[in-house]
């Protein structure tokens, strides 16, 4: 299944207002703050697939096709220790990895994917154990790795 949505997107905000967004630049100029922990929204792409949107301070951070019944409160966060002191936190929904944050031995953070256009989900880490991060705490960490503060 492709992970990158096709345009235009139909974005419905928490008040029921629908906007047609023709391209990524329009998301950056129309939506100021959107994530899974703000007022509810619904977004579908040109093919009718549900789209997860993360925009912060007019910057598009993530745009990904998700299952129609996606619910961030049902995501799981796993933690995997890698050789060399790297720790990887992976967000998954029903076993499918969505995003990850890698923290190297020096504490530097890297978000995966690094850009929404990539569309490549992180590698599954079956050896991961449940992390002590809530979905919201993971979101804050991922945004920090992307260079923005929530």
Protein backbone atom coordinates (compact mmCIF):
# COMPACT_ATOMS: atom_id res chain seq x y z
CA UNK A 1 0.00 0.00 0.00
CA UNK A 2 1.38 3.43 -0.86
CA UNK A 3 1.92 5.69 2.11
CA UNK A 4 1.98 9.09 0.36
CA UNK A 5 -1.49 10.49 -0.41
CA UNK A 6 -2.64 11.85 -3.75
CA UNK A 7 -3.91 15.41 -4.07
CA UNK A 8 -6.22 17.20 -3.66
CA UNK A 9 -6.91 16.52 -0.01
CA UNK A 10 -10.25 17.22 1.64
CA UNK A 11 -9.58 18.46 5.17
CA UNK A 12 -12.49 18.72 7.63
CA UNK A 13 -11.78 20.60 10.86
CA UNK A 14 -13.42 20.14 14.26
CA UNK A 15 -16.20 22.59 13.34
CA UNK A 16 -17.11 20.69 10.17
CA UNK A 17 -15.56 23.20 7.77
CA UNK A 18 -14.19 21.45 4.68
CA UNK A 19 -11.20 22.74 2.75
CA UNK A 20 -9.83 21.36 -0.49
CA UNK A 21 -6.04 21.50 -0.42
CA UNK A 22 -4.54 21.13 -3.89
CA UNK A 23 -0.87 20.62 -3.00
CA UNK A 24 1.63 20.49 -0.09
CA UNK A 25 2.34 24.23 -0.32
CA UNK A 26 -1.32 24.93 0.36
CA UNK A 27 -1.15 22.89 3.58
CA UNK A 28 1.80 25.03 4.73
CA UNK A 29 -0.15 28.24 4.15
CA UNK A 30 -3.64 27.12 5.21
CA UNK A 31 -3.15 24.90 8.25
CA UNK A 32 -1.22 26.45 11.12
CA UNK A 33 -1.30 23.74 13.81
CA UNK A 34 -2.68 20.23 13.23
CA UNK A 35 -1.75 17.04 14.99
CA UNK A 36 -3.42 14.06 16.61
CA UNK A 37 -3.71 15.78 19.99
CA UNK A 38 -5.41 19.00 18.93
CA UNK A 39 -9.05 19.40 18.00
CA UNK A 40 -10.31 16.54 15.89
CA UNK A 41 -9.92 16.63 12.13
CA UNK A 42 -10.64 14.30 9.24
CA UNK A 43 -8.64 14.27 6.02
CA UNK A 44 -8.99 12.13 2.91
CA UNK A 45 -6.98 12.11 -0.28
CA UNK A 46 -8.18 12.16 -3.89
CA UNK A 47 -8.64 8.37 -3.75
CA UNK A 48 -10.78 8.54 -0.60
CA UNK A 49 -8.07 7.19 1.70
CA UNK A 50 -7.70 8.57 5.22
CA UNK A 51 -4.69 10.81 5.70
CA UNK A 52 -2.81 11.64 8.87
CA UNK A 53 -1.71 15.28 8.86
CA UNK A 54 0.91 16.88 11.11
CA UNK A 55 1.48 20.58 10.55
CA UNK A 56 3.18 22.77 13.12
CA UNK A 57 3.61 26.52 12.86
CA UNK A 58 2.76 26.42 9.13
CA UNK A 59 5.28 23.65 8.41
CA UNK A 60 4.13 20.31 7.00
CA UNK A 61 5.86 17.63 9.09
CA UNK A 62 4.00 14.45 8.17
CA UNK A 63 1.40 13.38 5.65
CA UNK A 64 0.62 9.68 5.47
CA UNK A 65 -2.17 7.35 4.46
CA UNK A 66 -3.47 5.47 7.50
CA UNK A 67 -6.27 2.93 8.02
CA UNK A 68 -9.72 4.47 8.03
CA UNK A 69 -10.16 3.63 11.72
CA UNK A 70 -6.77 5.06 12.78
CA UNK A 71 -6.81 6.30 16.38
CA UNK A 72 -3.61 7.68 17.89
CA UNK A 73 -4.67 6.46 21.33
CA UNK A 74 -4.42 2.90 19.98
CA UNK A 75 -0.83 3.31 18.77
CA UNK A 76 1.92 1.44 20.56
CA UNK A 77 5.39 2.79 21.24
CA UNK A 78 8.26 0.30 21.36
CA UNK A 79 11.86 0.80 22.38
CA UNK A 80 14.80 -1.00 20.79
CA UNK A 81 18.43 -0.70 21.84
CA UNK A 82 20.82 -0.84 18.89
CA UNK A 83 24.57 -1.46 18.83
CA UNK A 84 26.66 1.61 19.53
CA UNK A 85 24.29 3.06 22.10
CA UNK A 86 21.44 4.08 19.78
CA UNK A 87 17.89 3.74 21.08
CA UNK A 88 14.99 3.67 18.64
CA UNK A 89 11.41 4.46 19.62
CA UNK A 90 8.85 3.24 17.07
CA UNK A 91 5.21 4.22 16.84
CA UNK A 92 2.98 1.50 15.36
CA UNK A 93 -0.72 1.05 14.69
CA UNK A 94 -1.87 -2.57 14.73
CA UNK A 95 1.66 -3.79 14.12
CA UNK A 96 2.45 -1.44 11.22
CA UNK A 97 5.30 1.01 11.96
CA UNK A 98 4.36 4.63 11.29
CA UNK A 99 7.16 6.84 12.67
CA UNK A 100 10.32 6.45 14.69
CA UNK A 101 12.83 8.51 16.64
CA UNK A 102 16.45 7.44 16.94
CA UNK A 103 18.54 8.76 19.83
CA UNK A 104 22.25 8.16 19.38
CA UNK A 105 24.77 7.75 22.20
CA UNK A 106 25.38 11.52 22.28
CA UNK A 107 21.65 12.22 22.70
CA UNK A 108 21.12 13.56 19.17
CA UNK A 109 17.64 12.81 17.77
CA UNK A 110 16.71 11.75 14.25
CA UNK A 111 13.11 11.50 13.01
CA UNK A 112 12.09 8.70 10.65
CA UNK A 113 10.93 9.36 8.07
CA UNK A 114 12.83 12.62 7.91
CA UNK A 115 10.47 14.10 5.32
CA UNK A 116 6.83 13.31 4.54
CA UNK A 117 7.64 12.96 0.84
CA UNK A 118 9.79 9.92 1.58
CA UNK A 119 6.77 7.83 2.48
CA UNK A 120 8.99 5.03 3.81
CA UNK A 121 7.92 3.83 7.23
CA UNK A 122 10.61 2.87 9.74
CA UNK A 123 11.81 -0.71 9.81
CA UNK A 124 9.80 -2.91 12.11
CA UNK A 125 11.70 -3.76 15.26
CA UNK A 126 10.23 -7.07 16.48
CA UNK A 127 12.76 -7.21 19.31
CA UNK A 128 11.46 -3.92 20.70
CA UNK A 129 9.91 -3.80 24.13
CA UNK A 130 7.10 -1.50 25.22
CA UNK A 131 8.45 2.00 25.79
CA UNK A 132 7.56 4.13 28.77
CA UNK A 133 6.42 6.88 26.41
CA UNK A 134 2.76 7.65 25.87
CA UNK A 135 1.66 8.36 22.28
CA UNK A 136 1.59 12.09 23.10
CA UNK A 137 5.08 12.02 24.64
CA UNK A 138 6.35 10.17 21.55
CA UNK A 139 4.75 12.84 19.34
CA UNK A 140 6.56 15.60 21.26
CA UNK A 141 9.87 13.71 20.93
CA UNK A 142 9.34 13.13 17.19
CA UNK A 143 8.52 16.79 16.61
CA UNK A 144 11.63 17.78 18.58
CA UNK A 145 13.67 15.49 16.32
CA UNK A 146 12.12 17.33 13.36
CA UNK A 147 13.33 20.60 14.87
CA UNK A 148 10.06 22.03 16.19
CA UNK A 149 8.72 22.44 19.72
CA UNK A 150 5.18 21.41 20.47
